Amino acid sequence: MKGRRASKVRGSWAEDRRCARTTAALLLLAATLLWLVQPALAARPRGRAAKSTGMQAEPRSKATAGPATPSWIVVHAATGEELASQEPDRPGAPASMTKMMLALVVMEAVKEGQLTMADPVPTSRVASKMGGSQVYLKEGESFSVEEMLAGLLIGSANDAAVALAERLTGSVEATIQRMNDRAGALKLTKTKFGSVHGLPPSPGQVGDVTTPRDMARLGQELLKYPEILRWTGTPEAPFRGGIFILRNSNKLIGKFPGADGIKTGHFAEAGYNVAVTAKRGNLRLVAVVMGAPTNQARFTEAARLLGEGFNRFTEVSVIKAGAPVGSELRIARAKGPFRPLAKNDVQVLVKREEKDALKTSVEIQPDLKAPLTKGQVVGALVVRVGEREVARTPVVTAGEVARKTFWWLTPWK
């Protein structure tokens, strides 16, 4: 009996070992199959192409390999005054925000007469081979500067970027140099461009790098060309006779009141970026978010920054250029009193609760004597909130201030 029971127990153990070996083999087979199919699954496109646009849709909520937390800044567009920020000098890849600088140098070339909006921009073989977001330019075909800018700023087209760069200077490399020279002139000290489109760099290629602060400054400069907003504030537009519909990837356009620009950018290592501007009343703000973890996160953060900026701050028009300031002045040797004029418009950005605390005063140059010429600077109009100076502008004479004549100095006739 004991022998038979022992034999049964040993048989049970043997059976258990056979089952264990079978299970292990099945697990190993499953793991091997998963390893084999994983690259194919990873290669599947994550975003479906936008219908009838020829553009590639960005993923809406997938996290990227970019920074864990975004960096950002919001500034007053007119002055660059910083309203709020979080690591605004942290360097990162701008991705397609790079196209903002390309647009700036193109607009400056138009202003200087180097180009016109109607000039044809031919498509080279290099331009026609660009990947990513594109309008599928064919080698040899041409579109106007205006049409290419629409493709660049509404559709973020990389092929249009290369075509414009080649038309501007004759080569992509020369345009990159012009972009970097312009960045230097604007004192964008942490910005360096290695491309005209912002795509991830190829092995051995220099990548684009910038910061939220530098992009906000670039946005300010670009806004000196208000026609840019014609494209950046357009949700969608036809291209190639309506065969493609360019769709703006800036989801705040048409949804956040007053938003009308400027540019988005994204690839995995960069995270999700956006430079956005909005205007309410006389106040225009620029906000830049870099390295957001998702597509939606960048717009949520940008909308929050702009919303808080508009809620907390207001722009006050203190005086217009040419308006009289202060009271009449009397200076040595002058025939009579005169009242100076403000040389420039004065607008100040203040917190809403400080609006009624604004005060102005006129500071006149010491030892001022007649005669004075028309438009001569005689002092400054100073604007303060409490003891804090928030603005100043020169004050000038409205006309000549003649010297008083004395009878004993009048020559005999």
Protein backbone atom coordinates (compact mmCIF):
# COMPACT_ATOMS: atom_id res chain seq x y z
CA MET A 1 0.00 0.00 0.00
CA LYS A 2 2.69 2.46 1.02
CA GLY A 3 4.60 1.69 -2.19
CA ARG A 4 1.51 2.23 -4.34
CA ARG A 5 0.70 5.50 -2.53
CA ALA A 6 4.28 6.69 -2.95
CA SER A 7 4.13 5.76 -6.62
CA LYS A 8 0.90 7.75 -7.01
CA VAL A 9 2.44 10.77 -5.26
CA ARG A 10 5.57 10.57 -7.41
CA GLY A 11 3.31 10.26 -10.50
CA SER A 12 1.36 13.34 -9.41
CA TRP A 13 4.62 15.33 -9.03
CA ALA A 14 5.77 14.16 -12.45
CA GLU A 15 2.45 15.20 -13.94
CA ASP A 16 2.74 18.62 -12.24
CA ARG A 17 6.24 19.05 -13.65
CA ARG A 18 5.00 18.18 -17.16
CA CYS A 19 2.18 20.74 -16.79
CA ALA A 20 4.61 23.36 -15.57
CA ARG A 21 6.94 22.73 -18.50
CA THR A 22 3.99 23.01 -20.93
CA THR A 23 2.82 26.29 -19.33
CA ALA A 24 6.32 27.74 -19.46
CA ALA A 25 6.63 26.81 -23.11
CA LEU A 26 3.31 28.50 -23.93
CA LEU A 27 4.33 31.68 -22.07
CA LEU A 28 7.66 31.75 -23.91
CA LEU A 29 5.86 31.33 -27.24
CA ALA A 30 3.44 34.18 -26.41
CA ALA A 31 6.31 36.48 -25.39
CA THR A 32 8.17 35.67 -28.62
CA LEU A 33 5.10 36.46 -30.75
CA LEU A 34 4.56 39.75 -28.90
CA TRP A 35 8.20 40.74 -29.45
CA LEU A 36 7.88 40.00 -33.17
CA VAL A 37 4.70 42.04 -33.75
CA GLN A 38 5.55 44.99 -31.49
CA PRO A 39 7.60 46.92 -34.14
CA ALA A 40 4.73 46.57 -36.61
CA LEU A 41 2.27 47.91 -34.05
CA ALA A 42 4.59 50.80 -33.19
CA ALA A 43 4.96 51.69 -36.88
CA ARG A 44 1.21 52.13 -37.34
CA PRO A 45 0.24 55.81 -37.80
CA ARG A 46 -1.22 57.33 -34.65
CA GLY A 47 -3.12 60.20 -36.28
CA ARG A 48 -5.44 59.94 -39.27
CA ALA A 49 -4.75 62.36 -42.10
CA ALA A 50 -7.15 65.32 -42.19
CA LYS A 51 -9.77 64.73 -44.84
CA SER A 52 -9.24 66.56 -48.15
CA THR A 53 -6.39 68.67 -46.78
CA GLY A 54 -3.19 66.87 -47.60
CA MET A 55 -2.15 67.76 -44.04
CA GLN A 56 -1.18 65.41 -41.25
CA ALA A 57 -3.37 65.56 -38.15
CA GLU A 58 -1.61 65.82 -34.79
CA PRO A 59 -2.42 63.29 -32.04
CA ARG A 60 -4.93 64.83 -29.68
CA SER A 61 -4.05 63.49 -26.28
CA LYS A 62 -1.08 61.11 -26.53
CA ALA A 63 1.73 61.97 -24.11
CA THR A 64 5.09 62.67 -25.72
CA ALA A 65 8.68 62.02 -24.82
CA GLY A 66 9.15 65.75 -24.22
CA PRO A 67 9.66 67.62 -20.92
CA ALA A 68 7.64 66.52 -17.90
CA THR A 69 6.31 70.04 -17.27
CA PRO A 70 5.83 72.91 -19.71
CA SER A 71 7.69 76.21 -19.60
CA TRP A 72 5.76 79.36 -20.44
CA ILE A 73 5.52 83.13 -20.48
CA VAL A 74 2.82 85.76 -21.14
CA VAL A 75 3.77 89.31 -22.13
CA HIS A 76 2.23 92.63 -23.12
CA ALA A 77 2.55 92.67 -26.91
CA ALA A 78 3.19 96.42 -27.16
CA THR A 79 6.03 96.64 -24.63
CA GLY A 80 7.18 93.08 -23.94
CA GLU A 81 6.47 93.55 -20.24
CA GLU A 82 6.35 90.14 -18.57
CA LEU A 83 3.08 89.44 -16.77
CA ALA A 84 3.78 85.89 -15.60
CA SER A 85 6.18 83.05 -16.40
CA GLN A 86 7.43 79.60 -15.50
CA GLU A 87 11.01 78.75 -16.51
CA PRO A 88 10.81 81.16 -19.47
CA ASP A 89 14.52 80.76 -20.29
CA ARG A 90 14.54 76.95 -20.39
CA PRO A 91 15.82 75.91 -23.83
CA GLY A 92 13.84 73.52 -25.99
CA ALA A 93 13.06 72.70 -29.60
CA PRO A 94 10.54 75.12 -31.16
CA ALA A 95 9.43 72.57 -33.78
CA SER A 96 7.19 74.34 -36.32
CA MET A 97 7.29 77.61 -34.35
CA THR A 98 10.55 77.98 -36.31
CA LYS A 99 8.35 79.08 -39.22
CA MET A 100 7.62 82.31 -37.33
CA MET A 101 11.17 83.50 -38.02
CA LEU A 102 10.97 82.43 -41.66
CA ALA A 103 7.73 84.40 -41.99
CA LEU A 104 9.40 87.45 -40.41
CA VAL A 105 12.36 87.54 -42.80
CA VAL A 106 10.01 87.04 -45.77
CA MET A 107 7.76 89.90 -44.62
CA GLU A 108 10.80 92.13 -44.12
CA ALA A 109 11.96 91.30 -47.65
CA VAL A 110 8.52 92.33 -48.96
CA LYS A 111 8.70 95.59 -47.01
CA GLU A 112 12.15 96.34 -48.41
CA GLY A 113 11.04 95.60 -51.97
CA GLN A 114 13.12 92.45 -52.38
CA LEU A 115 9.90 90.49 -52.95
CA THR A 116 6.25 91.23 -53.66
CA MET A 117 3.28 89.17 -52.57
CA ALA A 118 2.53 88.40 -56.23
CA ASP A 119 6.02 87.09 -57.07
CA PRO A 120 6.07 83.44 -58.17
CA VAL A 121 7.82 80.93 -55.90
CA PRO A 122 8.99 77.88 -57.87
CA THR A 123 9.17 74.41 -56.31
CA SER A 124 12.55 72.69 -56.43
CA ARG A 125 13.13 68.96 -56.25
CA VAL A 126 14.27 69.38 -52.63
CA ALA A 127 11.09 71.25 -51.68
CA SER A 128 8.88 68.65 -53.38
CA LYS A 129 10.48 65.86 -51.33
CA MET A 130 9.72 67.35 -47.91
CA GLY A 131 7.77 65.20 -45.50
CA GLY A 132 5.53 65.95 -42.54
CA SER A 133 2.85 68.61 -42.92
CA GLN A 134 2.76 69.70 -46.56
CA VAL A 135 0.68 70.91 -49.46
CA TYR A 136 2.23 68.35 -51.82
CA LEU A 137 4.12 70.76 -54.05
CA LYS A 138 5.31 69.22 -57.29
CA GLU A 139 8.73 69.92 -58.73
CA GLY A 140 8.54 72.78 -61.21
CA GLU A 141 5.17 74.24 -60.21
CA SER A 142 4.87 77.75 -58.76
CA PHE A 143 2.64 79.58 -56.34
CA SER A 144 2.80 83.23 -55.30
CA VAL A 145 4.57 84.45 -52.18
CA GLU A 146 1.13 85.15 -50.69
CA GLU A 147 -0.12 81.61 -51.39
CA MET A 148 3.06 80.07 -49.99
CA LEU A 149 2.73 82.16 -46.82
CA ALA A 150 -0.83 80.88 -46.43
CA GLY A 151 0.46 77.31 -46.73
CA LEU A 152 3.25 78.10 -44.26
CA LEU A 153 1.20 79.84 -41.57
CA ILE A 154 -2.20 78.16 -41.82
CA GLY A 155 -1.15 74.67 -42.86
CA SER A 156 2.41 74.65 -41.43
CA ALA A 157 3.59 73.23 -44.76
CA ASN A 158 7.24 72.16 -44.74
CA ASP A 159 7.46 72.07 -48.54
CA ALA A 160 6.22 75.68 -48.68
CA ALA A 161 8.88 76.62 -46.09
CA VAL A 162 11.70 75.23 -48.25
CA ALA A 163 10.32 76.83 -51.42
CA LEU A 164 10.05 80.24 -49.75
CA ALA A 165 13.56 79.91 -48.29
CA GLU A 166 15.05 79.09 -51.69
CA ARG A 167 13.18 81.98 -53.33
CA LEU A 168 14.27 84.44 -50.64
CA THR A 169 18.04 83.94 -50.74
CA GLY A 170 18.72 81.27 -53.32
CA SER A 171 19.31 78.46 -50.81
CA VAL A 172 17.99 77.01 -47.58
CA GLU A 173 21.41 77.46 -45.95
CA ALA A 174 21.55 81.17 -46.75
CA THR A 175 18.04 81.68 -45.38
CA ILE A 176 18.96 79.85 -42.16
CA GLN A 177 21.89 82.27 -41.82
CA ARG A 178 19.56 85.23 -42.33
CA MET A 179 17.20 83.83 -39.70
CA ASN A 180 20.06 83.50 -37.21
CA ASP A 181 21.34 86.99 -38.02
CA ARG A 182 17.86 88.36 -37.38
CA ALA A 183 17.66 86.45 -34.09
CA GLY A 184 20.92 88.08 -33.07
CA ALA A 185 19.65 91.55 -33.97
CA LEU A 186 16.54 90.93 -31.86
CA LYS A 187 18.75 89.78 -28.97
CA LEU A 188 17.22 86.31 -28.94
CA THR A 189 20.29 85.11 -27.06
CA LYS A 190 19.14 81.54 -26.48
CA THR A 191 17.86 80.91 -30.02
CA LYS A 192 19.66 79.09 -32.81
CA PHE A 193 18.06 77.88 -36.02
CA GLY A 194 19.26 74.84 -37.93
CA SER A 195 16.27 74.58 -40.29
CA VAL A 196 13.57 76.69 -41.93
CA HIS A 197 10.71 74.38 -40.93
CA GLY A 198 11.43 72.97 -37.45
CA LEU A 199 11.41 69.25 -38.27
CA PRO A 200 13.49 66.97 -36.01
CA PRO A 201 17.16 67.12 -37.05
CA SER A 202 18.68 64.28 -39.04
CA PRO A 203 21.78 62.53 -37.63
CA GLY A 204 24.65 65.03 -37.64
CA GLN A 205 22.33 67.98 -38.32
CA VAL A 206 22.07 70.94 -35.94
CA GLY A 207 18.60 71.20 -34.39
CA ASP A 208 16.60 74.34 -33.69
CA VAL A 209 16.63 75.62 -30.10
CA THR A 210 14.87 78.52 -28.37
CA THR A 211 13.01 79.53 -25.20
CA PRO A 212 9.52 80.84 -24.41
CA ARG A 213 10.96 84.30 -23.73
CA ASP A 214 12.71 84.44 -27.10
CA MET A 215 9.61 83.18 -28.93
CA ALA A 216 7.47 85.83 -27.23
CA ARG A 217 9.92 88.51 -28.38
CA LEU A 218 9.83 87.07 -31.91
CA GLY A 219 6.03 87.12 -31.76
CA GLN A 220 6.11 90.81 -30.84
CA GLU A 221 8.28 91.58 -33.86
CA LEU A 222 6.10 89.54 -36.20
CA LEU A 223 3.03 91.46 -35.03
CA LYS A 224 4.54 94.60 -36.54
CA TYR A 225 3.18 93.11 -39.77
CA PRO A 226 -0.56 92.91 -38.97
CA GLU A 227 -1.26 91.25 -42.32
CA ILE A 228 0.32 88.14 -40.80
CA LEU A 229 -2.84 87.81 -38.70
CA ARG A 230 -4.77 87.35 -41.93
CA TRP A 231 -3.28 83.85 -42.09
CA THR A 232 -2.57 82.99 -38.47
CA GLY A 233 -6.12 83.96 -37.47
CA THR A 234 -7.77 81.90 -40.23
CA PRO A 235 -9.24 78.54 -39.11
CA GLU A 236 -9.19 77.11 -42.62
CA ALA A 237 -8.65 78.20 -46.22
CA PRO A 238 -8.60 76.64 -49.70
CA PHE A 239 -5.32 75.84 -51.43
CA ARG A 240 -4.60 74.70 -54.96
CA GLY A 241 -7.99 75.89 -56.18
CA GLY A 242 -9.79 74.23 -53.29
CA ILE A 243 -8.39 70.73 -53.83
CA PHE A 244 -6.82 71.03 -50.37
CA ILE A 245 -8.31 72.73 -47.37
CA LEU A 246 -5.63 74.21 -45.12
CA ARG A 247 -6.66 73.75 -41.49
CA ASN A 248 -5.08 75.75 -38.71
CA SER A 249 -3.65 73.55 -35.94
CA ASN A 250 -4.09 76.40 -33.41
CA LYS A 251 -7.29 75.25 -31.68
CA LEU A 252 -7.75 78.58 -29.89
CA ILE A 253 -8.65 80.31 -33.19
CA GLY A 254 -12.40 80.79 -33.20
CA LYS A 255 -12.76 79.41 -29.68
CA PHE A 256 -10.83 81.77 -27.37
CA PRO A 257 -12.28 85.30 -27.73
CA GLY A 258 -9.80 87.57 -29.48
CA ALA A 259 -7.28 84.89 -30.46
CA ASP A 260 -5.81 85.43 -33.93
CA GLY A 261 -2.35 83.80 -34.02
CA ILE A 262 0.42 82.77 -34.10
CA LYS A 263 1.91 79.27 -34.53
CA THR A 264 1.98 75.75 -33.11
CA GLY A 265 4.82 73.24 -33.12
CA HIS A 266 5.26 69.60 -32.14
CA PHE A 267 7.43 66.53 -32.37
CA ALA A 268 8.06 63.87 -29.73
CA GLU A 269 11.24 65.23 -28.12
CA ALA A 270 10.00 68.84 -28.25
CA GLY A 271 6.60 68.19 -26.71
CA TYR A 272 3.62 70.33 -27.72
CA ASN A 273 4.35 74.05 -28.27
CA VAL A 274 2.27 77.09 -29.11
CA ALA A 275 2.86 80.82 -29.48
CA VAL A 276 -0.54 82.49 -29.28
CA THR A 277 -1.73 86.07 -29.36
CA ALA A 278 -5.12 87.58 -28.57
CA LYS A 279 -6.57 91.08 -28.43
CA ARG A 280 -9.43 92.42 -26.35
CA GLY A 281 -10.21 96.12 -26.59
CA ASN A 282 -6.87 97.91 -26.90
CA LEU A 283 -4.94 95.22 -25.05
CA ARG A 284 -2.98 92.56 -26.95
CA LEU A 285 -1.10 89.78 -25.17
CA VAL A 286 1.33 87.13 -26.37
CA ALA A 287 1.67 83.79 -24.59
CA VAL A 288 4.14 80.99 -25.36
CA VAL A 289 3.91 77.44 -24.00
CA MET A 290 6.70 74.94 -24.70
CA GLY A 291 7.01 71.27 -23.81
CA ALA A 292 3.38 70.55 -22.91
CA PRO A 293 2.72 66.80 -22.56
CA THR A 294 -0.35 66.68 -24.84
CA ASN A 295 -1.96 68.58 -27.68
CA GLN A 296 -4.86 69.67 -25.48
CA ALA A 297 -2.57 70.64 -22.58
CA ARG A 298 -0.79 73.35 -24.58
CA PHE A 299 -4.06 75.04 -25.52
CA THR A 300 -5.53 74.70 -22.03
CA GLU A 301 -2.42 76.32 -20.54
CA ALA A 302 -2.26 79.08 -23.17
CA ALA A 303 -5.95 79.89 -22.69
CA ARG A 304 -5.44 80.03 -18.93
CA LEU A 305 -2.49 82.42 -19.27
CA LEU A 306 -4.30 84.74 -21.65
CA GLY A 307 -7.52 84.63 -19.64
CA GLU A 308 -5.76 85.53 -16.40
CA GLY A 309 -3.82 88.27 -18.18
CA PHE A 310 -6.97 89.91 -19.53
CA ASN A 311 -8.74 89.55 -16.18
CA ARG A 312 -5.92 91.02 -14.09
CA PHE A 313 -4.50 93.76 -16.33
CA THR A 314 -5.81 96.67 -18.33
CA GLU A 315 -4.21 99.12 -20.76
CA VAL A 316 -4.81 102.80 -20.06
CA SER A 317 -4.31 105.55 -22.62
CA VAL A 318 -2.71 108.37 -20.60
CA ILE A 319 -2.14 110.93 -23.35
CA LYS A 320 -1.96 111.25 -27.12
CA ALA A 321 1.02 112.62 -29.03
CA GLY A 322 0.67 116.38 -29.53
CA ALA A 323 -1.64 116.93 -26.56
CA PRO A 324 -0.69 119.74 -24.15
CA VAL A 325 0.66 118.64 -20.77
CA GLY A 326 0.89 120.28 -17.39
CA SER A 327 0.41 124.00 -16.91
CA GLU A 328 2.01 126.98 -18.64
CA LEU A 329 5.74 127.33 -18.14
CA ARG A 330 7.74 130.46 -17.57
CA ILE A 331 11.46 130.26 -18.26
CA ALA A 332 14.28 132.76 -18.14
CA ARG A 333 14.46 135.36 -20.93
CA ALA A 334 11.23 134.11 -22.63
CA LYS A 335 8.76 136.68 -23.97
CA GLY A 336 5.89 134.89 -22.32
CA PRO A 337 4.65 131.58 -20.95
CA PHE A 338 4.15 128.48 -23.11
CA ARG A 339 2.65 125.03 -22.65
CA PRO A 340 4.62 121.98 -23.84
CA LEU A 341 3.20 119.02 -25.78
CA ALA A 342 3.61 115.26 -25.36
CA LYS A 343 5.96 113.95 -28.04
CA ASN A 344 4.48 110.42 -28.12
CA ASP A 345 1.37 108.49 -27.24
CA VAL A 346 1.55 107.12 -23.70
CA GLN A 347 -0.24 103.88 -22.90
CA VAL A 348 0.48 101.93 -19.75
CA LEU A 349 -0.37 98.42 -18.62
CA VAL A 350 -1.49 98.26 -15.00
CA LYS A 351 -3.36 95.93 -12.73
CA ARG A 352 -7.05 96.73 -12.81
CA GLU A 353 -7.05 97.83 -9.18
CA GLU A 354 -4.25 100.34 -9.96
CA LYS A 355 -6.11 102.07 -12.77
CA ASP A 356 -7.43 104.89 -10.60
CA ALA A 357 -4.07 105.35 -8.84
CA LEU A 358 -2.26 106.65 -11.97
CA LYS A 359 -0.71 110.09 -11.58
CA THR A 360 1.24 112.27 -14.01
CA SER A 361 3.81 115.01 -13.50
CA VAL A 362 6.02 117.14 -15.74
CA GLU A 363 9.75 117.37 -15.10
CA ILE A 364 11.34 120.38 -16.81
CA GLN A 365 15.03 120.53 -17.67
CA PRO A 366 16.96 122.75 -15.26
CA ASP A 367 18.43 126.07 -16.39
CA LEU A 368 16.16 126.24 -19.45
CA LYS A 369 16.40 129.60 -21.25
CA ALA A 370 14.85 131.23 -24.28
CA PRO A 371 15.05 131.23 -27.21
CA LEU A 372 13.73 127.73 -28.02
CA THR A 373 12.99 126.18 -31.38
CA LYS A 374 9.77 124.42 -32.37
CA GLY A 375 9.75 120.77 -31.25
CA GLN A 376 12.65 121.23 -28.83
CA VAL A 377 12.65 118.81 -25.89
CA VAL A 378 12.17 120.73 -22.65
CA GLY A 379 11.49 117.91 -20.20
CA ALA A 380 9.46 114.74 -19.67
CA LEU A 381 5.97 113.62 -18.75
CA VAL A 382 6.27 110.97 -16.03
CA VAL A 383 3.51 108.47 -15.18
CA ARG A 384 3.51 106.80 -11.76
CA VAL A 385 1.46 104.37 -9.72
CA GLY A 386 2.17 105.52 -6.19
CA GLU A 387 5.95 105.96 -6.09
CA ARG A 388 6.58 103.50 -8.94
CA GLU A 389 7.34 105.00 -12.34
CA VAL A 390 5.54 103.11 -15.10
CA ALA A 391 6.16 105.34 -18.14
CA ARG A 392 7.73 108.55 -19.37
CA THR A 393 7.82 110.46 -22.64
CA PRO A 394 9.56 113.67 -23.76
CA VAL A 395 7.63 116.94 -23.79
CA VAL A 396 8.41 119.48 -26.51
CA THR A 397 7.64 123.05 -27.48
CA ALA A 398 4.59 123.63 -29.69
CA GLY A 399 6.37 126.44 -31.55
CA GLU A 400 9.25 128.85 -31.19
CA VAL A 401 9.71 130.44 -27.80
CA ALA A 402 11.13 133.89 -28.50
CA ARG A 403 13.63 135.68 -26.34
CA LYS A 404 12.48 138.78 -24.50
CA THR A 405 14.01 142.00 -25.79
CA PHE A 406 15.13 144.78 -23.45
CA TRP A 407 15.07 148.45 -24.46
CA TRP A 408 18.64 149.02 -23.36
CA LEU A 409 19.78 146.20 -25.65
CA THR A 410 17.88 147.57 -28.68
CA PRO A 411 20.33 149.21 -31.11
CA TRP A 412 19.82 152.95 -31.91
CA LYS A 413 18.48 153.76 -35.30
